[in-house]
Amino acid sequence: MSLYRSPLEDVLRRAGAVMTRRDGRRVAAHFGSPAGELAVCARGVGLVDRSELGKLELRGYPEAIDQVLCQVADRQLEPGEVFHANGVAWCLASPDRLFALAEPSVFFELSEKLHDAAHRAPGVLLTDETEELAALALLGPAAPSVIAALGAWNLETIALPRPSFCGLSVEGLPAFLLEESAARSLLLVDREHAERLWDLLERVGQRFGLSCVGCEAAERFAMIERQLVQRRSRPALA
């Protein structure tokens, strides 16, 4: 099996990325200073290539998609709703279109389960879009501002955080937007448009302090986010 190569690898290398291998994927570890990149995410916004994510798409009759989702994730979703569990983001784009975005470490197991469930549910088609879709993430408190500057929505009228998933057009580029929190956004785009979207995000994000970051800083940022959520969920001491 050949090593997965991101459609953005040439862009990452030109930007100074140090590449490494993770779970059968070649990813940008850092751009010179993981600590500095983490600081960028903490105070502004970091741009990271997440194209190594596994991306499965299910299309078909809404009833059949509901059946598969209930069987594999034990969950039902409304259009635009997102559900996270065990390294997978379940994103219902519309009643007849579902995406499952998975960390590489759990992708094979998820793929096996979804293929089995789809085989049992007539009227659905499951495809692996990992190679066809690029994934670009924005991490940090200024992530919503970058998305708003792209014209995706208005910061003054949107309530954050609000996990959601929707299709949109970014300067004529068809894409999907996954809003995971007030500090985390993910854009999915066809691989042939990946470089153009990356350049656009860099240009729009300049005024918000955007900088390229690698997976080491992104993983550390995710860990800090989880710790903050856990602290907020703890009951207050009497």
Protein backbone atom coordinates (compact mmCIF):
# COMPACT_ATOMS: atom_id res chain seq x y z
CA MET A 1 0.00 0.00 0.00
CA SER A 2 1.49 3.34 -1.05
CA LEU A 3 2.02 6.13 1.46
CA TYR A 4 -0.73 8.75 1.35
CA ARG A 5 0.47 12.07 -0.06
CA SER A 6 -1.45 15.26 0.64
CA PRO A 7 -2.45 17.36 -2.38
CA LEU A 8 -0.83 20.24 -0.47
CA GLU A 9 2.55 18.60 0.13
CA ASP A 10 4.40 20.76 -2.41
CA VAL A 11 2.86 23.90 -0.88
CA LEU A 12 3.85 22.75 2.61
CA ARG A 13 7.43 22.04 1.57
CA ARG A 14 7.76 25.44 -0.09
CA ALA A 15 6.56 27.01 3.16
CA GLY A 16 9.34 25.22 5.04
CA ALA A 17 7.49 22.24 6.48
CA VAL A 18 9.41 19.39 8.07
CA MET A 19 7.55 16.28 6.93
CA THR A 20 7.02 13.10 8.95
CA ARG A 21 4.98 9.90 8.80
CA ARG A 22 1.93 9.28 10.96
CA ASP A 23 -0.38 6.25 10.63
CA GLY A 24 0.59 5.63 7.03
CA ARG A 25 0.26 9.30 6.05
CA ARG A 26 2.94 11.89 5.31
CA VAL A 27 2.16 15.08 7.23
CA ALA A 28 3.81 18.39 8.12
CA ALA A 29 5.28 17.95 11.61
CA HIS A 30 6.20 21.61 12.00
CA PHE A 31 7.52 24.68 10.20
CA GLY A 32 10.57 25.25 12.36
CA SER A 33 9.16 25.88 15.83
CA PRO A 34 6.33 23.75 17.25
CA ALA A 35 6.27 25.94 20.38
CA GLY A 36 5.98 29.11 18.32
CA GLU A 37 3.25 27.55 16.20
CA LEU A 38 1.31 26.60 19.32
CA ALA A 39 1.58 30.22 20.47
CA VAL A 40 0.10 31.31 17.12
CA CYS A 41 -2.91 29.04 17.71
CA ALA A 42 -3.29 30.34 21.27
CA ARG A 43 -3.34 34.03 20.39
CA GLY A 44 -4.41 34.22 16.74
CA VAL A 45 -5.04 31.52 14.16
CA GLY A 46 -3.03 28.66 12.73
CA LEU A 47 -3.57 27.11 9.31
CA VAL A 48 -2.92 23.36 9.21
CA ASP A 49 -3.31 20.74 6.51
CA ARG A 50 -5.60 17.94 7.76
CA SER A 51 -5.96 16.19 4.44
CA GLU A 52 -4.71 12.97 6.08
CA LEU A 53 -8.12 12.60 7.72
CA GLY A 54 -10.12 9.67 6.40
CA LYS A 55 -13.23 10.88 4.57
CA LEU A 56 -16.15 8.57 3.88
CA GLU A 57 -19.30 9.79 2.14
CA LEU A 58 -22.68 8.08 2.24
CA ARG A 59 -25.43 9.05 -0.21
CA GLY A 60 -28.89 7.62 -0.63
CA TYR A 61 -32.39 7.49 0.76
CA PRO A 62 -32.66 9.44 4.04
CA GLU A 63 -34.24 6.44 5.80
CA ALA A 64 -31.34 4.22 4.76
CA ILE A 65 -28.75 6.77 5.88
CA ASP A 66 -30.52 7.04 9.25
CA GLN A 67 -30.39 3.26 9.52
CA VAL A 68 -26.65 3.14 8.85
CA LEU A 69 -25.93 6.01 11.24
CA CYS A 70 -27.94 4.42 14.04
CA GLN A 71 -26.22 1.07 13.52
CA VAL A 72 -22.65 2.40 13.44
CA ALA A 73 -22.82 5.50 15.66
CA ASP A 74 -25.99 4.83 17.66
CA ARG A 75 -27.16 8.32 16.81
CA GLN A 76 -29.61 10.28 14.67
CA LEU A 77 -28.76 13.69 13.23
CA GLU A 78 -30.58 16.66 11.78
CA PRO A 79 -29.22 18.28 8.57
CA GLY A 80 -26.25 20.47 9.46
CA GLU A 81 -25.72 18.70 12.77
CA VAL A 82 -22.38 17.22 13.88
CA PHE A 83 -21.62 14.38 16.28
CA HIS A 84 -18.13 13.49 17.57
CA ALA A 85 -17.27 10.07 18.96
CA ASN A 86 -14.16 7.89 19.11
CA GLY A 87 -12.09 9.95 16.70
CA VAL A 88 -14.88 10.34 14.13
CA ALA A 89 -16.87 13.44 13.19
CA TRP A 90 -20.29 12.50 11.78
CA CYS A 91 -21.57 15.35 9.60
CA LEU A 92 -25.02 15.31 8.00
CA ALA A 93 -24.84 17.69 5.04
CA SER A 94 -28.43 16.94 4.00
CA PRO A 95 -30.97 14.18 4.64
CA ASP A 96 -29.48 12.17 1.77
CA ARG A 97 -25.76 12.95 2.29
CA LEU A 98 -23.58 12.03 5.25
CA PHE A 99 -19.83 12.47 5.81
CA ALA A 100 -17.71 10.57 8.33
CA LEU A 101 -14.35 12.23 8.98
CA ALA A 102 -11.97 9.99 10.88
CA GLU A 103 -8.52 10.17 12.40
CA PRO A 104 -6.17 7.84 10.49
CA SER A 105 -5.75 5.59 13.54
CA VAL A 106 -9.45 4.62 13.50
CA PHE A 107 -10.19 4.91 9.79
CA PHE A 108 -9.76 1.26 8.80
CA GLU A 109 -12.09 0.01 11.54
CA LEU A 110 -14.67 2.69 10.70
CA SER A 111 -14.49 1.85 6.99
CA GLU A 112 -15.12 -1.83 7.71
CA LYS A 113 -18.13 -1.05 9.91
CA LEU A 114 -19.64 1.40 7.44
CA HIS A 115 -19.21 -0.92 4.48
CA ASP A 116 -20.94 -3.70 6.40
CA ALA A 117 -23.79 -1.43 7.49
CA ALA A 118 -24.22 0.06 4.00
CA HIS A 119 -24.38 -3.45 2.53
CA ARG A 120 -27.31 -4.20 4.83
CA ALA A 121 -29.17 -0.97 4.00
CA PRO A 122 -30.59 -0.85 0.46
CA GLY A 123 -30.55 2.46 -1.35
CA VAL A 124 -27.20 3.87 -0.15
CA LEU A 125 -23.81 4.32 -1.79
CA LEU A 126 -20.63 4.51 0.29
CA THR A 127 -17.48 6.03 -1.22
CA ASP A 128 -14.01 6.73 0.14
CA GLU A 129 -13.20 10.39 -0.59
CA THR A 130 -9.91 10.49 1.33
CA GLU A 131 -7.83 10.94 -1.82
CA GLU A 132 -10.33 13.25 -3.52
CA LEU A 133 -10.93 15.82 -0.77
CA ALA A 134 -8.39 18.07 0.91
CA ALA A 135 -9.03 19.28 4.47
CA LEU A 136 -7.73 22.64 5.72
CA ALA A 137 -8.15 23.54 9.39
CA LEU A 138 -8.11 26.88 11.18
CA LEU A 139 -7.15 26.73 14.86
CA GLY A 140 -7.33 29.57 17.35
CA PRO A 141 -9.57 32.36 18.67
CA ALA A 142 -9.38 34.26 15.36
CA ALA A 143 -10.64 31.26 13.32
CA PRO A 144 -14.26 32.56 13.27
CA SER A 145 -13.01 35.95 12.05
CA VAL A 146 -11.24 34.34 9.09
CA ILE A 147 -14.35 32.34 8.18
CA ALA A 148 -16.46 35.48 8.45
CA ALA A 149 -14.00 37.39 6.24
CA LEU A 150 -14.49 34.71 3.60
CA GLY A 151 -18.18 35.60 3.61
CA ALA A 152 -19.35 32.29 5.09
CA TRP A 153 -21.40 34.02 7.77
CA ASN A 154 -21.69 37.18 9.84
CA LEU A 155 -19.91 37.25 13.20
CA GLU A 156 -22.54 39.65 14.55
CA THR A 157 -25.43 37.28 13.95
CA ILE A 158 -23.89 33.87 14.64
CA ALA A 159 -23.75 32.18 18.04
CA LEU A 160 -20.51 30.38 18.84
CA PRO A 161 -19.55 27.73 19.69
CA ARG A 162 -22.03 25.73 17.63
CA PRO A 163 -20.85 22.51 15.96
CA SER A 164 -22.33 22.53 12.47
CA PHE A 165 -21.67 21.39 8.91
CA CYS A 166 -22.74 23.04 5.68
CA GLY A 167 -21.89 23.52 2.04
CA LEU A 168 -20.75 26.93 0.84
CA SER A 169 -18.92 28.76 -1.93
CA VAL A 170 -15.60 30.44 -1.13
CA GLU A 171 -14.80 32.89 -3.92
CA GLY A 172 -16.38 30.49 -6.38
CA LEU A 173 -14.85 27.36 -4.85
CA PRO A 174 -17.44 24.80 -3.70
CA ALA A 175 -16.53 23.58 -0.21
CA PHE A 176 -17.91 22.17 3.01
CA LEU A 177 -17.41 23.93 6.33
CA LEU A 178 -17.25 22.06 9.64
CA GLU A 179 -17.47 24.45 12.59
CA GLU A 180 -16.37 22.42 15.60
CA SER A 181 -16.02 25.21 18.16
CA ALA A 182 -15.26 28.90 18.53
CA ALA A 183 -11.59 28.07 17.95
CA ARG A 184 -11.70 25.26 15.39
CA SER A 185 -12.94 25.18 11.77
CA LEU A 186 -12.36 22.71 8.96
CA LEU A 187 -12.86 23.27 5.23
CA LEU A 188 -13.25 20.38 2.78
CA VAL A 189 -12.52 21.05 -0.88
CA ASP A 190 -11.80 18.98 -4.00
CA ARG A 191 -8.08 18.20 -4.23
CA GLU A 192 -7.66 20.20 -7.45
CA HIS A 193 -8.75 23.35 -5.59
CA ALA A 194 -6.67 22.74 -2.45
CA GLU A 195 -3.75 25.04 -3.32
CA ARG A 196 -6.07 27.86 -4.35
CA LEU A 197 -8.00 27.63 -1.07
CA TRP A 198 -4.77 27.48 0.94
CA ASP A 199 -3.51 30.65 -0.76
CA LEU A 200 -6.86 32.35 -0.18
CA LEU A 201 -6.85 31.51 3.54
CA GLU A 202 -3.29 32.80 3.89
CA ARG A 203 -4.22 36.07 2.18
CA VAL A 204 -7.45 36.64 4.10
CA GLY A 205 -5.92 35.53 7.39
CA GLN A 206 -2.93 37.88 7.34
CA ARG A 207 -4.75 40.63 9.21
CA PHE A 208 -5.72 38.13 11.93
CA GLY A 209 -2.17 36.90 12.50
CA LEU A 210 -2.56 33.66 10.57
CA SER A 211 0.49 31.44 10.22
CA CYS A 212 1.14 27.90 8.98
CA VAL A 213 1.34 25.28 11.72
CA GLY A 214 2.17 21.59 11.75
CA CYS A 215 0.59 18.55 13.33
CA GLU A 216 2.71 18.77 16.49
CA ALA A 217 1.30 22.17 17.42
CA ALA A 218 -2.19 21.14 16.27
CA GLU A 219 -2.15 18.06 18.50
CA ARG A 220 -0.93 20.08 21.48
CA PHE A 221 -3.63 22.68 20.85
CA ALA A 222 -6.29 19.94 20.76
CA MET A 223 -5.01 18.57 24.06
CA ILE A 224 -5.23 22.01 25.69
CA GLU A 225 -8.76 22.43 24.35
CA ARG A 226 -9.82 19.09 25.85
CA GLN A 227 -8.32 20.03 29.21
CA LEU A 228 -10.21 23.33 29.23
CA VAL A 229 -13.49 21.56 28.41
CA GLN A 230 -12.91 19.07 31.23
CA ARG A 231 -12.22 21.84 33.72
CA ARG A 232 -15.37 23.71 32.74
CA SER A 233 -17.46 20.56 33.10
CA ARG A 234 -16.28 19.82 36.63
CA PRO A 235 -18.82 20.66 39.36
CA ALA A 236 -17.97 23.68 41.47
CA LEU A 237 -16.75 22.95 44.97
CA ALA A 238 -19.12 23.92 47.77
